[in-house]
Protein backbone atom coordinates (compact mmCIF):
# COMPACT_ATOMS: atom_id res chain seq x y z
CA MET A 1 12.83 -7.13 -14.37
CA GLY A 2 13.25 -4.44 -17.03
CA MET A 3 9.66 -3.49 -17.84
CA LEU A 4 10.50 0.16 -17.10
CA ASP A 5 14.19 0.16 -18.02
CA GLY A 6 15.21 3.66 -19.11
CA VAL A 7 12.45 5.41 -17.16
CA LYS A 8 13.79 7.97 -14.69
CA ILE A 9 11.83 8.97 -11.59
CA VAL A 10 12.69 11.60 -9.02
CA SER A 11 10.84 10.91 -5.78
CA PHE A 12 10.23 13.49 -3.06
CA ASN A 13 7.92 11.03 -1.29
CA HIS A 14 8.31 10.73 2.43
CA PHE A 15 5.70 8.44 3.99
CA MET A 16 4.03 5.20 2.84
CA LEU A 17 1.63 6.07 -0.02
CA GLY A 18 4.24 7.91 -2.11
CA PRO A 19 7.27 5.74 -1.31
CA LEU A 20 5.31 2.54 -1.86
CA ALA A 21 4.06 3.74 -5.24
CA ALA A 22 7.63 4.64 -6.24
CA GLN A 23 8.76 1.19 -5.10
CA HIS A 24 6.19 -0.46 -7.38
CA LEU A 25 7.81 1.39 -10.29
CA GLY A 26 11.34 0.69 -9.07
CA ASP A 27 10.51 -3.01 -8.88
CA LEU A 28 9.75 -2.84 -12.59
CA GLY A 29 13.14 -1.41 -13.47
CA ALA A 30 12.66 2.35 -13.27
CA ASP A 31 15.66 4.30 -11.96
CA VAL A 32 14.08 5.84 -8.87
CA ILE A 33 16.11 8.57 -7.18
CA MET A 34 14.81 9.17 -3.69
CA ILE A 35 15.45 12.71 -2.43
CA GLU A 36 15.61 12.89 1.36
CA PRO A 37 16.38 15.60 3.91
CA ILE A 38 19.88 15.56 5.37
CA GLY A 39 18.61 13.83 8.50
CA GLY A 40 16.41 11.39 6.60
CA ALA A 41 12.70 11.37 5.84
CA PHE A 42 10.05 10.88 8.53
CA GLN A 43 9.55 7.29 7.38
CA ARG A 44 12.96 6.43 8.86
CA GLN A 45 11.96 7.74 12.30
CA TRP A 46 8.88 5.62 13.01
CA GLY A 47 8.15 1.95 12.44
CA GLY A 48 5.07 -0.22 12.89
CA GLY A 49 5.37 -2.61 15.81
CA ASN A 50 8.33 -0.51 17.00
CA THR A 51 10.37 -2.84 14.77
CA TYR A 52 13.76 -1.87 13.34
CA VAL A 53 16.15 -3.96 11.25
CA GLY A 54 19.75 -2.81 10.92
CA GLY A 55 18.69 0.48 12.47
CA GLU A 56 16.03 1.09 9.81
CA SER A 57 12.32 1.32 10.62
CA VAL A 58 9.75 -1.00 9.13
CA ALA A 59 7.96 2.02 7.64
CA PHE A 60 11.11 2.70 5.63
CA LEU A 61 11.92 -0.91 4.76
CA VAL A 62 8.51 -1.81 3.34
CA ALA A 63 8.52 0.92 0.71
CA ASN A 64 12.04 1.80 -0.37
CA ARG A 65 13.76 -1.07 -2.11
CA ASN A 66 15.08 -0.66 -5.66
CA LYS A 67 15.78 3.06 -5.19
CA ARG A 68 18.88 5.22 -4.98
CA SER A 69 19.13 7.77 -2.17
CA ILE A 70 20.43 11.33 -2.32
CA ALA A 71 20.27 13.58 0.76
CA LEU A 72 19.71 17.29 0.06
CA ASP A 73 18.98 20.38 2.08
CA LEU A 74 16.16 21.70 -0.10
CA LYS A 75 16.11 24.98 1.81
CA SER A 76 19.63 25.75 0.60
CA THR A 77 20.23 27.26 -2.83
CA ALA A 78 22.71 24.54 -3.78
CA GLY A 79 20.41 21.74 -2.64
CA ARG A 80 17.47 23.19 -4.53
CA ASP A 81 19.60 23.64 -7.66
CA ILE A 82 20.54 19.96 -7.55
CA ALA A 83 16.87 18.98 -7.20
CA LEU A 84 15.94 21.19 -10.17
CA ALA A 85 18.73 19.67 -12.25
CA LEU A 86 17.40 16.20 -11.49
CA MET A 87 13.83 17.27 -12.32
CA ALA A 88 14.93 18.75 -15.64
CA ASP A 89 16.32 15.41 -16.77
CA THR A 90 13.67 12.93 -15.62
CA ASP A 91 10.47 11.38 -16.89
CA VAL A 92 8.49 11.57 -13.65
CA VAL A 93 8.56 13.67 -10.50
CA MET A 94 6.64 12.20 -7.55
CA GLU A 95 5.81 13.96 -4.30
CA ASN A 96 3.42 13.51 -1.39
CA PHE A 97 3.89 16.66 0.65
CA ARG A 98 0.87 18.64 1.74
CA PRO A 99 -0.44 20.87 -1.08
CA GLY A 100 1.68 23.98 -1.55
CA ILE A 101 4.90 22.68 0.01
CA MET A 102 6.65 22.00 -3.32
CA ASP A 103 5.75 25.50 -4.53
CA ARG A 104 7.18 27.05 -1.36
CA LEU A 105 10.39 25.10 -1.92
CA GLY A 106 10.62 26.50 -5.46
CA LEU A 107 10.06 23.02 -6.91
CA GLY A 108 6.44 23.25 -7.97
CA TYR A 109 4.61 22.06 -11.06
CA ASP A 110 4.71 25.23 -13.14
CA GLY A 111 8.45 25.73 -12.89
CA ALA A 112 9.20 22.05 -13.36
CA ARG A 113 7.06 21.75 -16.49
CA ALA A 114 8.57 24.95 -17.93
CA ALA A 115 12.01 23.38 -17.64
CA ASN A 116 10.85 19.95 -18.82
CA PRO A 117 7.66 20.05 -20.96
CA ARG A 118 7.41 16.24 -21.24
CA LEU A 119 7.54 15.84 -17.47
CA ILE A 120 4.94 13.84 -15.57
CA PHE A 121 4.44 15.68 -12.28
CA ALA A 122 2.64 13.32 -9.89
CA SER A 123 1.35 14.48 -6.52
CA ALA A 124 -0.33 12.54 -3.74
CA SER A 125 -2.05 14.15 -0.76
CA GLY A 126 -4.41 13.27 2.05
CA TRP A 127 -7.59 14.97 0.91
CA GLY A 128 -6.86 16.50 -2.48
CA SER A 129 -4.96 19.55 -3.70
CA SER A 130 -7.86 21.92 -2.98
CA GLY A 131 -11.04 22.06 -0.96
CA PRO A 132 -11.94 22.49 2.72
CA TYR A 133 -9.59 19.79 4.02
CA ALA A 134 -6.64 20.35 1.68
CA THR A 135 -4.29 21.66 4.36
CA ARG A 136 -5.32 19.21 7.09
CA PRO A 137 -3.09 16.28 8.05
CA GLY A 138 -3.99 13.43 5.72
CA GLN A 139 -3.11 10.26 7.59
CA ASP A 140 -4.50 6.76 7.04
CA LEU A 141 -6.42 6.39 10.32
CA LEU A 142 -8.07 9.77 9.82
CA ILE A 143 -9.00 8.79 6.26
CA GLN A 144 -10.48 5.47 7.44
CA ALA A 145 -12.58 7.41 9.95
CA ARG A 146 -13.94 10.02 7.53
CA SER A 147 -14.37 7.77 4.48
CA GLY A 148 -16.69 5.30 6.23
CA LEU A 149 -14.17 2.46 6.06
CA ALA A 150 -13.87 2.13 9.84
CA MET A 151 -17.65 2.28 10.28
CA ILE A 152 -18.31 -0.69 7.97
CA THR A 153 -15.53 -2.77 9.57
CA GLY A 154 -16.56 -5.00 12.47
CA SER A 155 -19.97 -6.15 13.63
CA THR A 156 -22.92 -4.51 15.36
CA SER A 157 -21.54 -5.74 18.69
CA ALA A 158 -18.23 -3.90 18.20
CA PRO A 159 -17.35 -0.21 17.82
CA PRO A 160 -16.17 1.22 14.48
CA THR A 161 -12.93 -0.60 13.80
CA PRO A 162 -9.81 0.40 11.82
CA VAL A 163 -8.96 -2.17 9.18
CA GLY A 164 -5.73 -3.12 10.96
CA VAL A 165 -3.34 -2.00 8.23
CA SER A 166 -2.87 1.34 6.48
CA ALA A 167 -5.34 0.25 3.83
CA ALA A 168 -5.86 3.68 2.26
CA ASP A 169 -2.09 4.21 1.99
CA HIS A 170 -1.49 0.82 0.40
CA HIS A 171 -4.40 1.00 -2.02
CA GLY A 172 -3.55 4.63 -2.74
CA ALA A 173 -0.01 3.58 -3.66
CA THR A 174 -1.41 1.14 -6.21
CA VAL A 175 -3.68 3.84 -7.67
CA PHE A 176 -0.77 6.31 -7.70
CA SER A 177 1.57 3.96 -9.55
CA ALA A 178 -1.15 2.93 -12.01
CA ALA A 179 -1.93 6.58 -12.78
CA ILE A 180 1.75 7.27 -13.42
CA LEU A 181 1.97 4.24 -15.70
CA ALA A 182 -0.99 5.56 -17.70
CA ALA A 183 0.75 8.92 -18.02
CA LEU A 184 3.97 7.19 -19.10
CA VAL A 185 2.06 5.38 -21.87
CA ARG A 186 0.82 8.71 -23.22
CA GLN A 187 4.25 10.29 -22.77
CA GLY A 188 5.82 7.48 -24.78
CA ARG A 189 3.19 7.77 -27.50
CA THR A 190 2.99 11.55 -27.85
CA GLY A 191 5.87 13.05 -25.85
CA GLU A 192 3.30 14.93 -23.79
CA GLY A 193 3.65 15.30 -20.02
CA ALA A 194 0.88 15.22 -17.46
CA ARG A 195 -0.22 16.44 -14.05
CA VAL A 196 -1.24 13.40 -11.99
CA GLU A 197 -3.01 13.87 -8.66
CA VAL A 198 -4.06 11.16 -6.22
CA ASP A 199 -5.39 11.49 -2.69
CA LEU A 200 -5.98 9.12 0.21
CA MET A 201 -9.66 10.00 0.56
CA SER A 202 -10.36 9.03 -3.05
CA ALA A 203 -8.35 5.84 -2.62
CA ALA A 204 -10.32 4.89 0.49
CA LEU A 205 -13.62 5.46 -1.31
CA ASP A 206 -12.37 3.49 -4.32
CA LEU A 207 -11.57 0.62 -1.96
CA GLN A 208 -15.23 0.54 -0.88
CA GLN A 209 -16.94 0.72 -4.27
CA GLU A 210 -19.18 -2.32 -3.79
CA SER A 211 -20.27 -1.24 -0.32
CA ILE A 212 -20.86 2.42 -1.19
CA VAL A 213 -22.80 1.72 -4.39
CA ALA A 214 -24.95 -0.89 -2.62
CA TYR A 215 -25.74 1.49 0.22
CA LEU A 216 -26.43 4.62 -1.82
CA ASN A 217 -28.80 2.71 -4.09
CA GLY A 218 -30.53 0.60 -1.45
CA PRO A 219 -32.77 1.01 1.62
CA ARG A 220 -30.51 3.17 3.76
CA GLU A 221 -32.29 2.38 7.01
CA GLN A 222 -30.46 -0.96 7.15
CA GLY A 223 -27.23 0.79 8.25
CA VAL A 224 -23.67 -0.31 7.56
CA ARG A 225 -22.85 -2.43 10.61
CA ALA A 226 -22.70 -6.16 9.99
CA PRO A 227 -24.46 -8.73 12.19
CA GLU A 228 -22.22 -10.94 14.34
CA HIS A 229 -20.08 -13.36 12.25
CA ILE A 230 -21.09 -11.84 8.87
CA GLY A 231 -18.15 -10.50 6.85
CA GLY A 232 -19.80 -7.16 6.05
CA TRP A 233 -23.17 -5.40 6.18
CA LEU A 234 -23.86 -6.08 2.49
CA TYR A 235 -23.50 -9.88 2.68
CA GLN A 236 -26.00 -12.59 3.48
CA ALA A 237 -25.56 -15.64 5.70
CA PRO A 238 -23.40 -17.67 5.96
CA TYR A 239 -20.66 -15.37 4.56
CA GLY A 240 -18.26 -14.70 7.44
CA PHE A 241 -15.96 -16.03 10.18
CA TYR A 242 -16.84 -18.65 12.78
CA ARG A 243 -15.04 -19.74 15.93
CA THR A 244 -13.87 -23.35 16.16
CA THR A 245 -12.38 -25.23 19.11
CA ASN A 246 -8.87 -24.06 18.15
CA GLY A 247 -9.25 -21.01 15.94
CA HIS A 248 -11.58 -19.63 13.29
CA ILE A 249 -12.79 -20.62 9.85
CA ALA A 250 -14.10 -18.50 6.99
CA ILE A 251 -17.17 -19.75 5.15
CA SER A 252 -17.73 -18.01 1.84
CA ILE A 253 -20.47 -17.91 -0.79
CA CYS A 254 -22.91 -20.79 -0.58
CA THR A 255 -26.59 -21.33 0.21
CA LEU A 256 -27.80 -22.23 3.67
CA GLU A 257 -29.22 -25.38 2.13
CA GLU A 258 -25.79 -26.41 0.83
CA LEU A 259 -24.09 -25.62 4.13
CA GLY A 260 -26.79 -27.33 6.17
CA THR A 261 -26.36 -30.47 4.10
CA ALA A 262 -22.58 -30.35 4.58
CA LEU A 263 -22.98 -29.87 8.35
CA ASP A 264 -25.72 -32.53 8.57
CA ARG A 265 -28.22 -30.05 10.00
CA PRO A 266 -31.67 -30.28 8.37
CA ASP A 267 -32.88 -27.19 10.25
CA LEU A 268 -30.18 -25.09 8.56
CA ALA A 269 -30.67 -26.81 5.21
CA ALA A 270 -34.37 -25.90 5.32
CA MET A 271 -33.59 -22.18 5.26
CA THR A 272 -34.21 -20.43 1.95
CA VAL A 273 -32.26 -17.84 0.00
CA ALA A 274 -34.64 -15.21 1.37
CA ASP A 275 -33.85 -16.46 4.87
CA SER A 276 -30.14 -15.89 4.24
CA TRP A 277 -30.99 -12.16 4.23
CA GLN A 278 -34.05 -11.86 6.42
CA ARG A 279 -32.96 -14.35 9.11
CA ARG A 280 -29.21 -13.97 8.84
CA GLU A 281 -28.64 -13.32 12.56
CA GLU A 282 -30.57 -16.48 13.41
CA ALA A 283 -28.71 -18.46 10.73
CA THR A 284 -25.24 -17.32 11.77
CA ALA A 285 -25.97 -18.01 15.44
CA LEU A 286 -26.99 -21.54 14.51
CA ILE A 287 -23.90 -22.02 12.35
CA GLN A 288 -21.68 -20.77 15.18
CA ASP A 289 -23.24 -23.24 17.62
CA ILE A 290 -22.37 -26.03 15.20
CA ILE A 291 -18.89 -24.88 14.20
CA GLU A 292 -17.63 -24.31 17.73
CA GLY A 293 -17.99 -28.04 18.39
CA ASP A 294 -14.93 -29.13 16.37
CA SER A 295 -11.50 -28.00 15.17
CA THR A 296 -10.63 -25.80 12.23
CA GLU A 297 -8.86 -28.73 10.57
CA ALA A 298 -11.86 -31.02 10.94
CA TRP A 299 -14.24 -28.48 9.49
CA CYS A 300 -11.89 -27.70 6.59
CA GLU A 301 -11.83 -31.39 5.73
CA ARG A 302 -15.63 -31.68 5.97
CA LEU A 303 -16.33 -28.56 3.91
CA GLU A 304 -13.74 -29.53 1.30
CA THR A 305 -15.55 -32.85 0.82
CA HIS A 306 -18.83 -31.06 0.19
CA GLY A 307 -17.39 -28.38 -2.10
CA ILE A 308 -18.13 -25.49 0.28
CA TRP A 309 -15.80 -22.50 -0.18
CA HIS A 310 -13.85 -22.04 3.01
CA ALA A 311 -10.44 -21.19 4.48
CA PRO A 312 -8.75 -21.32 7.89
CA VAL A 313 -8.21 -17.88 9.43
CA LEU A 314 -4.41 -17.71 9.72
CA ASP A 315 -2.08 -15.58 11.78
CA TYR A 316 1.17 -14.34 10.25
CA ASP A 317 3.20 -17.36 11.40
CA ALA A 318 0.80 -19.70 9.62
CA MET A 319 0.62 -17.39 6.59
CA GLU A 320 4.42 -17.47 6.31
CA ALA A 321 4.34 -21.27 6.21
CA ASP A 322 1.36 -21.49 3.85
CA PRO A 323 2.28 -23.60 0.80
CA GLN A 324 0.68 -21.22 -1.70
CA VAL A 325 2.52 -18.21 -0.26
CA ARG A 326 5.76 -20.17 -0.53
CA HIS A 327 4.96 -21.37 -4.05
CA ASN A 328 4.11 -17.85 -5.20
CA GLY A 329 7.28 -16.37 -3.71
CA ASN A 330 5.24 -13.71 -1.93
CA LEU A 331 7.91 -13.14 0.73
CA LEU A 332 11.26 -11.80 -0.39
CA GLU A 333 14.48 -12.51 1.50
CA GLY A 334 17.41 -10.14 1.26
CA ARG A 335 20.13 -8.28 3.14
CA LEU A 336 20.44 -4.63 4.02
CA ALA A 337 23.54 -2.56 3.34
CA THR A 338 24.55 -3.32 6.94
CA GLY A 339 24.41 -7.05 6.23
CA GLU A 340 21.30 -7.77 8.34
CA PRO A 341 18.88 -10.25 6.77
CA VAL A 342 15.43 -8.86 6.11
CA THR A 343 12.14 -10.35 4.92
CA LEU A 344 9.98 -8.14 2.69
CA VAL A 345 6.70 -8.58 0.86
CA ALA A 346 7.45 -9.20 -2.80
CA HIS A 347 5.99 -7.30 -5.76
CA ALA A 348 2.39 -8.44 -6.17
CA ALA A 349 2.47 -9.25 -9.90
CA CYS A 350 4.43 -11.56 -12.19
CA TYR A 351 5.57 -10.73 -15.72
CA ASP A 352 6.23 -13.52 -18.21
CA GLY A 353 6.17 -15.92 -15.29
CA GLU A 354 8.72 -13.94 -13.25
CA ARG A 355 8.22 -11.86 -10.11
CA PRO A 356 10.42 -8.75 -9.73
CA GLY A 357 13.14 -9.17 -7.13
CA LEU A 358 15.49 -7.14 -5.00
CA ARG A 359 18.00 -5.21 -7.10
CA LEU A 360 18.83 -2.75 -4.37
CA ALA A 361 17.91 -3.11 -0.71
CA PRO A 362 16.50 -0.05 1.09
CA GLN A 363 19.49 2.25 1.25
CA PRO A 364 21.11 4.34 4.00
CA ILE A 365 20.50 8.10 3.83
CA GLY A 366 22.46 9.54 0.92
CA ALA A 367 23.98 6.21 -0.11
CA GLN A 368 24.13 7.33 -3.76
CA THR A 369 24.55 11.08 -3.25
CA ARG A 370 28.04 11.18 -4.77
CA GLU A 371 27.12 8.81 -7.58
CA ILE A 372 24.09 10.90 -8.57
CA LEU A 373 26.01 14.20 -8.38
CA ASP A 374 28.73 12.69 -10.55
CA GLU A 375 26.05 11.80 -13.13
CA LEU A 376 24.90 15.45 -13.05
CA GLY A 377 28.46 16.54 -13.89
CA TYR A 378 29.68 17.67 -10.45
CA ASP A 379 33.38 16.99 -9.93
CA GLY A 380 34.89 15.58 -6.77
CA ALA A 381 36.00 18.92 -5.36
CA ARG A 382 32.57 20.47 -5.83
CA ILE A 383 30.87 17.46 -4.21
CA GLN A 384 33.23 17.71 -1.25
CA GLN A 385 32.43 21.41 -0.88
CA LEU A 386 28.69 20.73 -0.99
CA GLU A 387 29.10 18.18 1.80
CA GLU A 388 31.13 20.60 3.89
CA ASP A 389 28.50 23.31 3.37
CA GLY A 390 25.73 20.93 4.50
CA ALA A 391 23.83 21.21 1.21
CA VAL A 392 24.15 17.46 0.65
CA ALA A 393 24.98 14.41 2.75
CA ALA A 394 26.55 11.14 1.67
CA ALA A 395 26.46 7.86 3.55
CA GLN A 396 29.73 6.30 4.59
CA LEU A 397 29.26 2.79 3.24
CA ALA A 398 31.35 -0.17 4.28
CA THR A 399 33.53 -1.59 1.54
């Protein structure tokens, strides 16, 4: 998939938002060089579900395919010189350290742009590059808490609830990669570089646009906690999840009259559009009493017959087997450098009917260190000396 063939990206990203954004661009053909510390980035040390494949954490595996790895000691003069040489000959520099870290390393925006005026210097942070929270830890759960996302998730009978995935990180990665693509368009048209800045807080707010705009322009006394079963505070009945005899079913946008007819319940069908707002707790309680009397499969069949939008609520085993997921090729099978098989989530878009694949599995620390130094003009003896000095590290790959 060569949409970005010829585009060079140097990535100092180290945890989820930044690495995932760089992976989006690597999927599209960009040559992404991932700069890591000698001992590896933090993303290699911690994995969701305490899951490791071939010794690599899930946090690393989900966001680092289609990249080359070079391991540098950025606190050493030689390591910093190598990083600067890479930055001087690239289209994009990406980093998601806390604000000020790149400057302290001698790798900040001003110096980089002076050496490479057409450079796109793209930074991602937790809260923004300035302001009262700029130096605070910017981690997804903390962002969900402060952005309101956790407060609107779950019903009035439950406490504020995290979404269940690092939603701000993942959405932020999409925003980050899109912003870089916009800067690349201008760079290609005018030769002009750009300073791109993205933060998790902004991404989390962007993710809630419908909810925030509805609340700030409506009667605020209604609060942001959803009634039981309803899919969010800003939705009317019957929109939400309902328990069946063997699972749950989602019922989407329809009138109570339409649903009541489908369920053969005149009392529900008699409810008006106004009732779907003003009596939504009563309506959803009635719907739940009905739905819990049969299986998910039976209700799916009934609702399909009546043209009611619906879906079974699947766990990951069922999602993996879902025929549309399989048809779309949403799960990507590959092998790590160690030979272990691994299943990844594929790139989310198709181009000319084709979905980007796995050119390069997530790599061991420094797997391409020697290759990249050779491209910069370092000879074998110099590379060996740099390794001995601890300025760089190179993986010992099986042949």
